Amino acid sequence: MRQYCTQMEAAKKGIITPEMEIVAAKENMNVDELMELVAKGQVAIPANINHKSLSPEGIGTGLKTKINVNLGISGDCKDYSIEMEKVDMAIKFGAEAIMDLSNYGKTNTFRKQLIEKSPAMIGTVPMYDAIGYLEKDLLEITAQDFLKVVRAHAEEGVDFMTIHAGINKRAIESFKREGRRMNIVSRGGSLLFAWIEMTGNENPFYEYYDEVLDILREYDVTISLGDALRPGCIDDSTDAGQISELIELGNLTKRAWEKDVQVMVEGPGHMALNEIAANMQLQKRICHNAPFYVLGPLVTDIAPGYDHITSAIGGAIAAANGADFLCYVTPAEHLRLPDTDDVKEGIVASKIAAHAADIAKGIKGARDIDNKMSDARHKLDWEGMFKYAIDSEKARRYYESTPVSERHTCSMCGKMCAVRTTNMILEGKKVEFCTEK
């Protein structure tokens, strides 16, 4: 019989859970230190009691930067078998979280299969699912209807949910008064904005926030406080709407912790390079060092087809300055539902950003694999290099695509390889290119 409802409650009581032990081992961290961070809310371990296939991960202070993969069907792309291929891709490349953002029809069959299969954390946005789940148009949905969808996702085993509770009437007033180039680009945020404006009611996730927390606490679902007013272009970043909502999220964070519900706070989407570090510090301060989950940030608006790169640039800077969790972005962002190749490109770019940030932050053991790669390169050990590469298959394919006369070189430099030349001299050998056969 469990003596606690959530990881946070256990930590506050001084109880080390099996999930904490697993996370501490993965992070090379003392489990008592981890428990203290969970108790303070600086680390979240999203782990729904009904997600039996989960391999727990920690997100937050002092831990490796984690990445999330978005997938799911839409009205124009309804093939769940393709989405399951994306799931396999995410698991293969070590993504720590997968969000099912399906927004068409009845989605629970796929979600249940996903939860049964995936060792990665599973996240959802109940607002996306409300219309299909309830079979009602937006204006017909009641506040209690929204809570029904939250409960359904919690019962199914979802580990974290994006809840756009911060876009209340005060935040909307700031947004409308300020004006924006891109207005609202959050799908869930725009739906709630429309519902609030059409009904005249307060945001149901804000008005009935305590009831939402009671549901999440029952199943140990981590609340990911969505940034409905995130900037959708660099010209809108760090404006009154974004900051007004962030202030609300800081208050909602404390209220969740009072009920022992774990929290993550979501952060900006598009932002110029020079604003990122300050935004990370601002979020951490206003939201009491809760784990920070960022989409990008995308550092320029002119790269459709390459937004996995614009996102990775911003994500590396964000994580190096305090962000804990990166949502991947694919080359298809702003253009279409991503295919499996897009998903792979997005995952790899995000993994590179996360790992680069961990090196910058001095995360224990982060440099170890880089040192192993350097040792393999020193020895011109190609099999070793392929082993330590993030994408070993691509590295091998590129190397083998152009045959070389000598296995210890590549087709770029051949026998003029700097590593080969230096190694030979240090071994007391002569380097004679013209006479070597």
Protein backbone atom coordinates (compact mmCIF):
# COMPACT_ATOMS: atom_id res chain seq x y z
CA MET A 1 0.00 0.00 0.00
CA ARG A 2 1.52 3.31 -1.10
CA GLN A 3 2.01 5.86 1.66
CA TYR A 4 1.80 8.75 -0.81
CA CYS A 5 -0.19 9.94 -3.84
CA THR A 6 2.53 11.73 -5.79
CA GLN A 7 6.30 11.79 -6.11
CA MET A 8 6.26 15.25 -4.53
CA GLU A 9 4.23 14.10 -1.52
CA ALA A 10 6.61 11.17 -1.01
CA ALA A 11 9.63 13.46 -1.20
CA LYS A 12 8.13 15.87 1.32
CA LYS A 13 7.62 12.92 3.68
CA GLY A 14 11.21 11.74 3.19
CA ILE A 15 10.13 8.64 1.27
CA ILE A 16 12.43 7.48 -1.54
CA THR A 17 10.27 5.99 -4.29
CA PRO A 18 11.35 3.35 -6.83
CA GLU A 19 11.11 6.05 -9.50
CA MET A 20 13.51 8.30 -7.58
CA GLU A 21 16.00 5.44 -7.30
CA ILE A 22 15.88 4.82 -11.06
CA VAL A 23 16.27 8.51 -11.90
CA ALA A 24 19.13 8.97 -9.42
CA ALA A 25 20.98 6.04 -11.02
CA LYS A 26 20.46 7.46 -14.52
CA GLU A 27 21.70 10.88 -13.41
CA ASN A 28 24.69 9.68 -11.32
CA MET A 29 23.12 11.58 -8.43
CA ASN A 30 22.72 10.83 -4.75
CA VAL A 31 19.10 9.76 -4.26
CA ASP A 32 18.69 11.85 -1.10
CA GLU A 33 19.77 14.94 -3.03
CA LEU A 34 17.26 14.10 -5.76
CA MET A 35 14.50 13.60 -3.20
CA GLU A 36 15.13 17.08 -1.78
CA LEU A 37 14.87 18.64 -5.25
CA VAL A 38 11.58 16.82 -5.89
CA ALA A 39 10.24 18.00 -2.53
CA LYS A 40 11.07 21.62 -3.43
CA GLY A 41 9.54 21.30 -6.91
CA GLN A 42 12.84 21.95 -8.67
CA VAL A 43 12.74 18.46 -10.20
CA ALA A 44 9.67 16.68 -11.56
CA ILE A 45 9.42 12.94 -12.19
CA PRO A 46 6.32 12.57 -14.38
CA ALA A 47 5.09 9.06 -13.65
CA ASN A 48 1.37 8.28 -13.83
CA ILE A 49 0.49 5.34 -11.59
CA ASN A 50 -1.19 3.68 -14.59
CA HIS A 51 1.79 3.93 -16.97
CA LYS A 52 3.27 0.50 -16.33
CA SER A 53 5.83 0.46 -19.18
CA LEU A 54 7.45 3.73 -18.09
CA SER A 55 11.18 4.10 -17.57
CA PRO A 56 11.12 7.12 -15.24
CA GLU A 57 13.04 10.29 -16.02
CA GLY A 58 13.68 13.43 -13.99
CA ILE A 59 13.36 16.95 -15.37
CA GLY A 60 14.86 19.93 -13.62
CA THR A 61 17.73 21.41 -11.65
CA GLY A 62 21.07 19.60 -11.92
CA LEU A 63 19.78 16.93 -14.31
CA LYS A 64 20.47 16.21 -17.96
CA THR A 65 18.36 18.19 -20.43
CA LYS A 66 15.51 16.04 -21.71
CA ILE A 67 13.72 16.21 -25.06
CA ASN A 68 10.12 15.70 -26.13
CA VAL A 69 8.77 14.47 -29.48
CA ASN A 70 5.37 15.68 -30.69
CA LEU A 71 3.25 13.45 -32.90
CA GLY A 72 -0.41 12.65 -33.55
CA ILE A 73 -2.99 12.73 -36.32
CA SER A 74 -4.90 15.65 -37.79
CA GLY A 75 -8.02 15.91 -39.95
CA ASP A 76 -5.87 15.78 -43.09
CA CYS A 77 -3.47 13.02 -41.94
CA LYS A 78 -5.31 10.24 -40.12
CA ASP A 79 -3.01 7.21 -40.36
CA TYR A 80 -2.16 5.99 -36.86
CA SER A 81 0.26 3.36 -38.23
CA ILE A 82 2.54 6.19 -39.41
CA GLU A 83 2.32 7.81 -35.98
CA MET A 84 3.39 4.53 -34.39
CA GLU A 85 6.43 4.49 -36.71
CA LYS A 86 7.27 7.92 -35.31
CA VAL A 87 6.93 6.48 -31.80
CA ASP A 88 9.43 3.76 -32.70
CA MET A 89 11.78 6.41 -34.06
CA ALA A 90 11.52 8.47 -30.87
CA ILE A 91 12.23 5.46 -28.66
CA LYS A 92 15.15 4.34 -30.87
CA PHE A 93 16.88 7.72 -30.57
CA GLY A 94 16.32 7.99 -26.84
CA ALA A 95 13.68 10.73 -26.62
CA GLU A 96 12.60 10.91 -23.00
CA ALA A 97 9.05 12.07 -23.72
CA ILE A 98 6.39 11.76 -26.41
CA MET A 99 3.36 14.04 -26.64
CA ASP A 100 0.26 12.80 -28.45
CA LEU A 101 -1.22 15.96 -29.97
CA SER A 102 -3.89 14.19 -32.02
CA ASN A 103 -6.77 16.53 -32.71
CA TYR A 104 -9.17 14.55 -34.86
CA GLY A 105 -11.84 12.03 -33.93
CA LYS A 106 -11.59 9.51 -31.12
CA THR A 107 -7.94 9.39 -30.08
CA ASN A 108 -8.04 7.21 -26.97
CA THR A 109 -7.37 3.89 -28.77
CA PHE A 110 -4.03 5.14 -30.09
CA ARG A 111 -3.18 6.79 -26.79
CA LYS A 112 -3.81 3.58 -24.84
CA GLN A 113 -1.55 1.65 -27.24
CA LEU A 114 1.09 4.35 -26.88
CA ILE A 115 1.00 4.22 -23.08
CA GLU A 116 1.11 0.42 -23.08
CA LYS A 117 4.17 0.39 -25.36
CA SER A 118 6.26 3.43 -24.51
CA PRO A 119 9.04 3.56 -21.90
CA ALA A 120 9.13 7.32 -22.57
CA MET A 121 6.94 9.75 -20.64
CA ILE A 122 3.63 10.45 -22.36
CA GLY A 123 2.12 13.92 -22.50
CA THR A 124 -1.11 15.30 -23.93
CA VAL A 125 -3.03 18.54 -24.30
CA PRO A 126 -6.61 17.72 -23.21
CA MET A 127 -7.87 20.91 -24.85
CA TYR A 128 -6.95 19.47 -28.28
CA ASP A 129 -8.96 16.34 -27.64
CA ALA A 130 -12.05 17.98 -26.15
CA ILE A 131 -14.05 18.53 -29.35
CA GLY A 132 -13.48 15.00 -30.69
CA TYR A 133 -13.87 13.33 -27.30
CA LEU A 134 -17.07 15.16 -26.39
CA GLU A 135 -18.46 15.41 -29.94
CA LYS A 136 -19.51 18.98 -29.24
CA ASP A 137 -18.68 22.25 -30.91
CA LEU A 138 -16.51 24.66 -28.94
CA LEU A 139 -19.34 26.95 -27.81
CA GLU A 140 -21.34 23.99 -26.50
CA ILE A 141 -18.57 22.69 -24.23
CA THR A 142 -18.97 23.46 -20.53
CA ALA A 143 -16.31 23.91 -17.88
CA GLN A 144 -17.16 20.50 -16.42
CA ASP A 145 -16.85 18.95 -19.88
CA PHE A 146 -13.23 20.10 -20.04
CA LEU A 147 -12.56 18.47 -16.66
CA LYS A 148 -14.03 15.19 -17.95
CA VAL A 149 -11.38 15.10 -20.67
CA VAL A 150 -8.61 15.78 -18.12
CA ARG A 151 -9.85 12.87 -16.01
CA ALA A 152 -10.08 10.55 -19.01
CA HIS A 153 -6.47 11.24 -19.99
CA ALA A 154 -5.31 10.80 -16.39
CA GLU A 155 -7.08 7.46 -16.06
CA GLU A 156 -5.50 6.23 -19.29
CA GLY A 157 -1.99 6.75 -17.87
CA VAL A 158 -0.77 10.08 -19.27
CA ASP A 159 2.29 11.27 -17.30
CA PHE A 160 2.01 15.01 -17.92
CA MET A 161 -0.62 17.30 -19.37
CA THR A 162 -0.33 20.74 -20.86
CA ILE A 163 -3.01 22.80 -19.17
CA HIS A 164 -3.42 26.39 -20.39
CA ALA A 165 -4.56 27.76 -17.03
CA GLY A 166 -2.65 31.05 -17.22
CA ILE A 167 -4.63 32.65 -20.04
CA ASN A 168 -7.25 34.18 -17.76
CA LYS A 169 -9.18 37.38 -18.35
CA ARG A 170 -6.37 39.52 -16.87
CA ALA A 171 -3.78 38.06 -19.23
CA ILE A 172 -6.14 38.43 -22.19
CA GLU A 173 -6.64 42.08 -21.34
CA SER A 174 -2.86 42.64 -21.44
CA PHE A 175 -2.64 40.80 -24.76
CA LYS A 176 -5.46 42.81 -26.35
CA ARG A 177 -4.22 46.14 -25.02
CA GLU A 178 -0.65 45.55 -26.25
CA GLY A 179 -1.44 44.28 -29.74
CA ARG A 180 0.73 41.77 -31.58
CA ARG A 181 2.12 41.10 -35.00
CA MET A 182 1.15 37.40 -34.81
CA ASN A 183 -1.59 37.38 -32.13
CA ILE A 184 -2.03 33.92 -30.51
CA VAL A 185 -0.21 30.98 -32.11
CA SER A 186 -0.83 28.38 -29.40
CA ARG A 187 -3.54 26.00 -30.66
CA GLY A 188 -4.86 25.30 -27.18
CA GLY A 189 -4.49 28.95 -26.22
CA SER A 190 -6.44 30.13 -29.25
CA LEU A 191 -9.29 27.70 -28.54
CA LEU A 192 -9.52 28.87 -24.94
CA PHE A 193 -9.30 32.51 -26.01
CA ALA A 194 -12.18 31.91 -28.41
CA TRP A 195 -14.21 30.08 -25.74
CA ILE A 196 -13.66 32.85 -23.18
CA GLU A 197 -14.54 35.59 -25.65
CA MET A 198 -17.62 33.80 -27.01
CA THR A 199 -19.06 32.73 -23.64
CA GLY A 200 -17.91 35.65 -21.50
CA ASN A 201 -16.78 33.14 -18.87
CA GLU A 202 -13.42 32.82 -17.15
CA ASN A 203 -10.95 30.21 -18.39
CA PRO A 204 -12.34 26.96 -16.91
CA PHE A 205 -8.85 25.61 -16.20
CA TYR A 206 -8.18 28.75 -14.16
CA GLU A 207 -11.58 29.04 -12.51
CA TYR A 208 -11.66 25.35 -11.54
CA TYR A 209 -7.92 24.96 -11.08
CA ASP A 210 -8.26 23.23 -7.71
CA GLU A 211 -10.51 20.58 -9.26
CA VAL A 212 -7.97 20.05 -12.06
CA LEU A 213 -5.23 19.59 -9.45
CA ASP A 214 -7.34 17.08 -7.52
CA ILE A 215 -7.65 14.93 -10.65
CA LEU A 216 -3.93 15.16 -11.43
CA ARG A 217 -2.96 14.36 -7.84
CA GLU A 218 -5.08 11.22 -7.84
CA TYR A 219 -3.02 9.69 -10.67
CA ASP A 220 0.26 11.53 -10.08
CA VAL A 221 0.06 13.45 -13.34
CA THR A 222 2.51 16.33 -13.66
CA ILE A 223 0.92 19.59 -14.76
CA SER A 224 2.75 21.33 -17.58
CA LEU A 225 1.52 24.90 -17.36
CA GLY A 226 1.02 25.91 -20.98
CA ASP A 227 2.10 29.27 -22.37
CA ALA A 228 -0.96 30.16 -24.42
CA LEU A 229 0.46 33.63 -25.07
CA ARG A 230 3.90 32.50 -26.18
CA PRO A 231 5.38 34.64 -28.96
CA GLY A 232 4.81 33.27 -32.46
CA CYS A 233 7.39 35.54 -34.06
CA ILE A 234 10.50 37.26 -32.76
CA ASP A 235 8.79 40.65 -32.91
CA ASP A 236 6.28 39.55 -30.22
CA SER A 237 8.75 38.11 -27.72
CA THR A 238 8.94 39.35 -24.12
CA ASP A 239 5.82 41.48 -24.56
CA ALA A 240 3.14 42.33 -22.00
CA GLY A 241 0.97 39.33 -22.89
CA GLN A 242 3.78 36.83 -22.46
CA ILE A 243 4.96 38.32 -19.18
CA SER A 244 1.44 38.78 -17.80
CA GLU A 245 0.70 35.10 -18.38
CA LEU A 246 4.06 34.12 -16.88
CA ILE A 247 3.18 35.95 -13.67
CA GLU A 248 -0.06 33.96 -13.49
CA LEU A 249 1.90 30.73 -14.06
CA GLY A 250 4.16 31.55 -11.11
CA ASN A 251 1.14 31.74 -8.82
CA LEU A 252 -0.38 28.58 -10.30
CA THR A 253 2.91 26.76 -9.70
CA LYS A 254 2.77 27.45 -5.97
CA ARG A 255 -0.88 26.40 -5.78
CA ALA A 256 -0.06 23.08 -7.44
CA TRP A 257 2.82 22.40 -5.08
CA GLU A 258 0.53 23.05 -2.12
CA LYS A 259 -1.50 20.06 -3.35
CA ASP A 260 1.65 17.97 -3.96
CA VAL A 261 1.17 18.11 -7.73
CA GLN A 262 4.42 18.25 -9.70
CA VAL A 263 4.83 21.16 -12.10
CA MET A 264 6.61 22.08 -15.29
CA VAL A 265 6.26 25.53 -16.84
CA GLU A 266 6.22 25.99 -20.60
CA GLY A 267 8.17 28.73 -22.30
CA PRO A 268 8.52 30.84 -25.41
CA GLY A 269 8.41 29.72 -29.02
CA HIS A 270 10.06 32.47 -31.11
CA MET A 271 12.71 34.75 -29.64
CA ALA A 272 15.83 36.61 -30.77
CA LEU A 273 19.14 35.21 -29.54
CA ASN A 274 19.90 38.15 -27.29
CA GLU A 275 16.67 37.75 -25.28
CA ILE A 276 16.89 34.04 -24.50
CA ALA A 277 19.19 34.02 -21.47
CA ALA A 278 17.25 36.81 -19.74
CA ASN A 279 13.95 35.03 -20.39
CA MET A 280 15.25 31.82 -18.81
CA GLN A 281 16.32 33.72 -15.69
CA LEU A 282 13.01 35.59 -15.56
CA GLN A 283 10.99 32.38 -15.77
CA LYS A 284 13.02 30.64 -13.11
CA ARG A 285 12.62 33.61 -10.79
CA ILE A 286 8.90 34.19 -11.32
CA CYS A 287 8.05 30.47 -11.29
CA HIS A 288 10.17 29.60 -8.24
CA ASN A 289 12.74 27.41 -10.06
CA ALA A 290 10.14 24.99 -11.39
CA PRO A 291 11.39 22.91 -14.35
CA PHE A 292 11.19 24.93 -17.57
CA TYR A 293 9.96 23.35 -20.82
CA VAL A 294 10.64 25.33 -24.02
CA LEU A 295 9.52 25.03 -27.63
CA GLY A 296 12.70 26.07 -29.39
CA PRO A 297 12.98 29.00 -29.03
CA LEU A 298 13.17 29.59 -32.78
CA VAL A 299 15.69 32.38 -33.28
CA THR A 300 14.53 33.60 -36.69
CA ASP A 301 11.25 33.47 -38.60
CA ILE A 302 12.55 32.99 -42.15
CA ALA A 303 13.63 29.34 -42.25
CA PRO A 304 10.60 27.14 -43.03
CA GLY A 305 11.96 23.74 -43.98
CA TYR A 306 14.93 24.27 -41.66
CA ASP A 307 13.23 25.15 -38.40
CA HIS A 308 14.80 22.15 -36.67
CA ILE A 309 18.03 24.16 -36.99
CA THR A 310 16.58 27.49 -35.83
CA SER A 311 15.06 25.62 -32.90
CA ALA A 312 18.25 23.76 -32.00
CA ILE A 313 20.21 27.00 -31.91
CA GLY A 314 17.71 28.57 -29.52
CA GLY A 315 17.26 25.37 -27.52
CA ALA A 316 20.98 25.04 -26.85
CA ILE A 317 21.16 28.61 -25.58
CA ALA A 318 17.96 28.21 -23.53
CA ALA A 319 19.10 24.98 -21.88
CA ALA A 320 22.58 26.34 -21.20
CA ASN A 321 20.87 29.18 -19.33
CA GLY A 322 18.45 27.13 -17.26
CA ALA A 323 15.80 25.44 -19.43
CA ASP A 324 15.39 21.79 -18.46
CA PHE A 325 13.25 20.26 -21.20
CA LEU A 326 13.29 20.89 -24.96
CA CYS A 327 10.36 20.26 -27.25
CA TYR A 328 11.73 19.21 -30.60
CA VAL A 329 10.88 21.07 -33.79
CA THR A 330 11.01 19.35 -37.19
CA PRO A 331 11.81 20.70 -40.68
CA ALA A 332 8.05 20.53 -41.33
CA GLU A 333 7.20 23.11 -38.64
CA HIS A 334 4.82 25.75 -40.06
CA LEU A 335 4.40 23.69 -43.25
CA ARG A 336 2.75 20.28 -42.70
CA LEU A 337 2.35 17.32 -40.37
CA PRO A 338 5.88 15.86 -40.13
CA ASP A 339 6.68 12.50 -41.70
CA THR A 340 9.07 9.96 -40.18
CA ASP A 341 12.13 11.54 -41.83
CA ASP A 342 11.13 14.93 -40.42
CA VAL A 343 10.73 13.38 -36.98
CA LYS A 344 14.21 11.88 -37.15
CA GLU A 345 15.76 15.21 -38.18
CA GLY A 346 13.91 16.98 -35.38
CA ILE A 347 14.97 14.46 -32.74
CA VAL A 348 18.64 14.53 -33.73
CA ALA A 349 18.75 18.34 -33.81
CA SER A 350 17.11 18.53 -30.39
CA LYS A 351 19.42 15.86 -28.92
CA ILE A 352 22.43 17.82 -30.16
CA ALA A 353 21.08 21.01 -28.54
CA ALA A 354 20.35 19.25 -25.25
CA HIS A 355 23.76 17.57 -25.09
CA ALA A 356 25.62 20.76 -26.00
CA ALA A 357 23.78 22.55 -23.19
CA ASP A 358 24.60 19.80 -20.69
CA ILE A 359 28.29 20.21 -21.49
CA ALA A 360 27.98 23.97 -20.97
CA LYS A 361 26.14 23.48 -17.67
CA GLY A 362 28.76 21.06 -16.40
CA ILE A 363 26.32 18.19 -15.94
CA LYS A 364 28.16 15.28 -14.37
CA GLY A 365 29.33 12.82 -17.01
CA ALA A 366 28.09 14.91 -19.96
CA ARG A 367 31.54 15.07 -21.58
CA ASP A 368 32.26 11.36 -21.19
CA ILE A 369 30.88 10.29 -24.57
CA ASP A 370 32.61 13.20 -26.32
CA ASN A 371 35.91 12.05 -24.82
CA LYS A 372 35.25 8.52 -26.06
CA MET A 373 34.56 9.89 -29.53
CA SER A 374 37.80 11.90 -29.41
CA ASP A 375 39.75 8.82 -28.35
CA ALA A 376 38.29 6.88 -31.27
CA ARG A 377 39.20 9.68 -33.67
CA HIS A 378 42.72 9.80 -32.25
CA LYS A 379 43.11 6.12 -33.08
CA LEU A 380 41.27 6.49 -36.41
CA ASP A 381 38.91 3.84 -35.07
CA TRP A 382 35.94 4.22 -37.40
CA GLU A 383 33.82 1.56 -35.69
CA GLY A 384 34.32 3.39 -32.42
CA MET A 385 33.31 6.68 -34.02
CA PHE A 386 30.13 5.14 -35.40
CA LYS A 387 29.36 3.66 -31.98
CA TYR A 388 29.51 7.00 -30.16
CA ALA A 389 27.72 9.07 -32.84
CA ILE A 390 24.20 10.29 -32.09
CA ASP A 391 23.14 8.90 -35.48
CA SER A 392 25.50 5.97 -36.06
CA GLU A 393 23.68 4.79 -39.19
CA LYS A 394 24.09 8.13 -40.97
CA ALA A 395 27.73 8.44 -39.91
CA ARG A 396 28.49 4.97 -41.32
CA ARG A 397 26.54 5.63 -44.51
CA TYR A 398 28.40 8.87 -45.19
CA TYR A 399 31.79 7.30 -44.52
CA GLU A 400 31.14 4.29 -46.75
CA SER A 401 29.50 6.25 -49.57
CA THR A 402 32.91 7.18 -51.06
CA PRO A 403 35.41 4.29 -51.07
CA VAL A 404 38.89 5.07 -49.75
CA SER A 405 42.22 3.52 -50.65
CA GLU A 406 43.19 3.08 -47.02
CA ARG A 407 40.70 2.13 -44.32
CA HIS A 408 42.24 4.43 -41.70
CA THR A 409 41.50 7.56 -43.75
CA CYS A 410 38.38 9.19 -45.17
CA SER A 411 37.80 10.65 -48.62
CA MET A 412 38.19 14.24 -47.40
CA CYS A 413 41.95 14.16 -46.68
CA GLY A 414 43.06 10.67 -47.64
CA LYS A 415 46.68 10.06 -46.61
CA MET A 416 47.03 13.77 -45.79
CA CYS A 417 44.81 13.25 -42.75
CA ALA A 418 46.13 15.47 -39.94
CA VAL A 419 45.51 12.83 -37.29
CA ARG A 420 47.31 10.14 -39.31
CA THR A 421 50.26 12.44 -40.03
CA THR A 422 50.69 13.48 -36.38
CA ASN A 423 50.32 9.93 -35.10
CA MET A 424 53.00 8.68 -37.51
CA ILE A 425 55.48 11.38 -36.53
CA LEU A 426 54.91 10.77 -32.81
CA GLU A 427 55.46 7.05 -33.44
CA GLY A 428 58.84 7.85 -35.04
CA LYS A 429 57.73 7.10 -38.60
CA LYS A 430 58.36 9.09 -41.77
CA VAL A 431 55.55 10.69 -43.77
CA GLU A 432 56.35 10.41 -47.48
CA PHE A 433 53.24 10.98 -49.58
CA CYS A 434 54.87 10.66 -52.97
CA THR A 435 56.46 7.27 -52.29
CA GLU A 436 53.65 5.70 -50.28
CA LYS A 437 51.60 3.15 -52.21
